[in-house]
């Protein structure tokens, strides 16, 4: 993905998708085919946490057991800004 910047320079970003199931289940291929729709839905999800007191992340939006070591780094507004960019 190439992102234009205001100074007529570009920033390149890579997105890596992989299945967490052993041997894969083909989900990464499906995501690649529907990436635009998935990113649009992700943006809506990031901007609308059901917990009105959530400022960065909570159990209602981004935090779960599997990412417990990253909880302090999860930031919904920052992720939404990246998708808007």
C-alpha atoms as a PDB file:
ATOM      1  CA  UNK A   1       0.000   0.000   0.000  1.00  0.00           C
ATOM      2  CA  UNK A   2       1.377   3.462  -0.846  1.00  0.00           C
ATOM      3  CA  UNK A   3       0.221   6.455   1.164  1.00  0.00           C
ATOM      4  CA  UNK A   4       0.644   9.990  -0.263  1.00  0.00           C
ATOM      5  CA  UNK A   5       1.905  12.675   2.114  1.00  0.00           C
ATOM      6  CA  UNK A   6       1.323  16.444   2.014  1.00  0.00           C
ATOM      7  CA  UNK A   7       4.939  16.993   0.896  1.00  0.00           C
ATOM      8  CA  UNK A   8       4.428  14.925  -2.274  1.00  0.00           C
ATOM      9  CA  UNK A   9       6.435  12.116  -0.756  1.00  0.00           C
ATOM     10  CA  UNK A  10       5.063   8.673  -0.150  1.00  0.00           C
ATOM     11  CA  UNK A  11       5.070   6.313   2.759  1.00  0.00           C
ATOM     12  CA  UNK A  12       4.822   2.637   2.034  1.00  0.00           C
ATOM     13  CA  UNK A  13       3.116   0.262   4.413  1.00  0.00           C
ATOM     14  CA  UNK A  14       2.758  -3.491   4.367  1.00  0.00           C
ATOM     15  CA  UNK A  15      -0.095  -5.451   5.857  1.00  0.00           C
ATOM     16  CA  UNK A  16       0.598  -9.071   6.691  1.00  0.00           C
ATOM     17  CA  UNK A  17      -2.332 -11.430   7.110  1.00  0.00           C
ATOM     18  CA  UNK A  18      -2.090 -14.992   8.292  1.00  0.00           C
ATOM     19  CA  UNK A  19      -4.358 -17.723   9.556  1.00  0.00           C
ATOM     20  CA  UNK A  20      -3.866 -18.744  13.159  1.00  0.00           C
ATOM     21  CA  UNK A  21      -5.073 -22.278  12.482  1.00  0.00           C
ATOM     22  CA  UNK A  22      -2.409 -24.884  11.873  1.00  0.00           C
ATOM     23  CA  UNK A  23      -2.058 -25.253   8.110  1.00  0.00           C
ATOM     24  CA  UNK A  24      -4.346 -22.257   7.570  1.00  0.00           C
ATOM     25  CA  UNK A  25      -8.021 -22.239   6.744  1.00  0.00           C
ATOM     26  CA  UNK A  26      -7.922 -19.833   3.816  1.00  0.00           C
ATOM     27  CA  UNK A  27      -9.162 -16.860   5.823  1.00  0.00           C
ATOM     28  CA  UNK A  28      -6.189 -14.676   4.846  1.00  0.00           C
ATOM     29  CA  UNK A  29      -7.045 -15.122   1.157  1.00  0.00           C
ATOM     30  CA  UNK A  30     -10.664 -14.164   1.822  1.00  0.00           C
ATOM     31  CA  UNK A  31      -9.614 -11.051   3.739  1.00  0.00           C
ATOM     32  CA  UNK A  32      -7.387  -9.963   0.868  1.00  0.00           C
ATOM     33  CA  UNK A  33     -10.322 -10.169  -1.516  1.00  0.00           C
ATOM     34  CA  UNK A  34     -12.557  -8.092   0.780  1.00  0.00           C
ATOM     35  CA  UNK A  35      -9.961  -5.748   2.304  1.00  0.00           C
ATOM     36  CA  UNK A  36     -11.748  -2.462   1.572  1.00  0.00           C
ATOM     37  CA  UNK A  37     -14.996  -3.604   3.192  1.00  0.00           C
ATOM     38  CA  UNK A  38     -13.145  -5.062   6.167  1.00  0.00           C
ATOM     39  CA  UNK A  39     -11.198  -1.839   6.759  1.00  0.00           C
ATOM     40  CA  UNK A  40     -14.391   0.242   6.535  1.00  0.00           C
ATOM     41  CA  UNK A  41     -16.129  -1.999   9.084  1.00  0.00           C
ATOM     42  CA  UNK A  42     -13.029  -1.982  11.286  1.00  0.00           C
ATOM     43  CA  UNK A  43     -13.055   1.822  11.289  1.00  0.00           C
ATOM     44  CA  UNK A  44     -16.696   1.866  12.388  1.00  0.00           C
ATOM     45  CA  UNK A  45     -15.880  -0.594  15.152  1.00  0.00           C
ATOM     46  CA  UNK A  46     -12.851   1.427  16.322  1.00  0.00           C
ATOM     47  CA  UNK A  47     -14.852   4.648  16.459  1.00  0.00           C
ATOM     48  CA  UNK A  48     -17.851   3.188  18.291  1.00  0.00           C
ATOM     49  CA  UNK A  49     -16.813   1.299  21.414  1.00  0.00           C
ATOM     50  CA  UNK A  50     -19.975   0.447  23.397  1.00  0.00           C
ATOM     51  CA  UNK A  51     -18.237   1.506  26.625  1.00  0.00           C
ATOM     52  CA  UNK A  52     -18.670   5.298  26.796  1.00  0.00           C
ATOM     53  CA  UNK A  53     -15.870   5.571  29.379  1.00  0.00           C
ATOM     54  CA  UNK A  54     -13.305   3.865  27.115  1.00  0.00           C
ATOM     55  CA  UNK A  55     -10.607   6.273  25.956  1.00  0.00           C
ATOM     56  CA  UNK A  56      -8.077   3.890  24.383  1.00  0.00           C
ATOM     57  CA  UNK A  57      -9.093   0.258  24.830  1.00  0.00           C
ATOM     58  CA  UNK A  58     -11.206  -1.894  27.115  1.00  0.00           C
ATOM     59  CA  UNK A  59     -12.722  -5.374  27.434  1.00  0.00           C
ATOM     60  CA  UNK A  60     -15.670  -4.243  25.281  1.00  0.00           C
ATOM     61  CA  UNK A  61     -13.557  -3.360  22.253  1.00  0.00           C
ATOM     62  CA  UNK A  62      -9.918  -4.416  21.844  1.00  0.00           C
ATOM     63  CA  UNK A  63      -8.794  -6.178  24.995  1.00  0.00           C
ATOM     64  CA  UNK A  64      -9.051  -9.934  25.389  1.00  0.00           C
ATOM     65  CA  UNK A  65      -7.059 -12.725  26.970  1.00  0.00           C
ATOM     66  CA  UNK A  66      -4.959 -13.473  23.881  1.00  0.00           C
ATOM     67  CA  UNK A  67      -3.563  -9.916  23.725  1.00  0.00           C
ATOM     68  CA  UNK A  68      -3.248  -9.335  27.481  1.00  0.00           C
ATOM     69  CA  UNK A  69       0.456  -8.465  27.239  1.00  0.00           C
ATOM     70  CA  UNK A  70      -0.344  -5.652  24.779  1.00  0.00           C
ATOM     71  CA  UNK A  71      -3.278  -4.035  26.614  1.00  0.00           C
ATOM     72  CA  UNK A  72      -1.327  -0.912  27.604  1.00  0.00           C
ATOM     73  CA  UNK A  73      -0.340  -0.357  23.960  1.00  0.00           C
ATOM     74  CA  UNK A  74      -3.797  -0.752  22.384  1.00  0.00           C
ATOM     75  CA  UNK A  75      -5.146   2.602  21.217  1.00  0.00           C
ATOM     76  CA  UNK A  76      -8.471   2.786  19.330  1.00  0.00           C
ATOM     77  CA  UNK A  77      -8.220   6.501  18.400  1.00  0.00           C
ATOM     78  CA  UNK A  78      -4.706   6.026  17.032  1.00  0.00           C
ATOM     79  CA  UNK A  79      -5.776   3.000  14.983  1.00  0.00           C
ATOM     80  CA  UNK A  80      -8.769   4.945  13.621  1.00  0.00           C
ATOM     81  CA  UNK A  81      -6.491   7.860  12.685  1.00  0.00           C
ATOM     82  CA  UNK A  82      -4.268   5.442  10.781  1.00  0.00           C
ATOM     83  CA  UNK A  83      -7.249   4.109   8.817  1.00  0.00           C
ATOM     84  CA  UNK A  84      -8.407   7.654   8.049  1.00  0.00           C
ATOM     85  CA  UNK A  85      -4.936   8.540   6.798  1.00  0.00           C
END
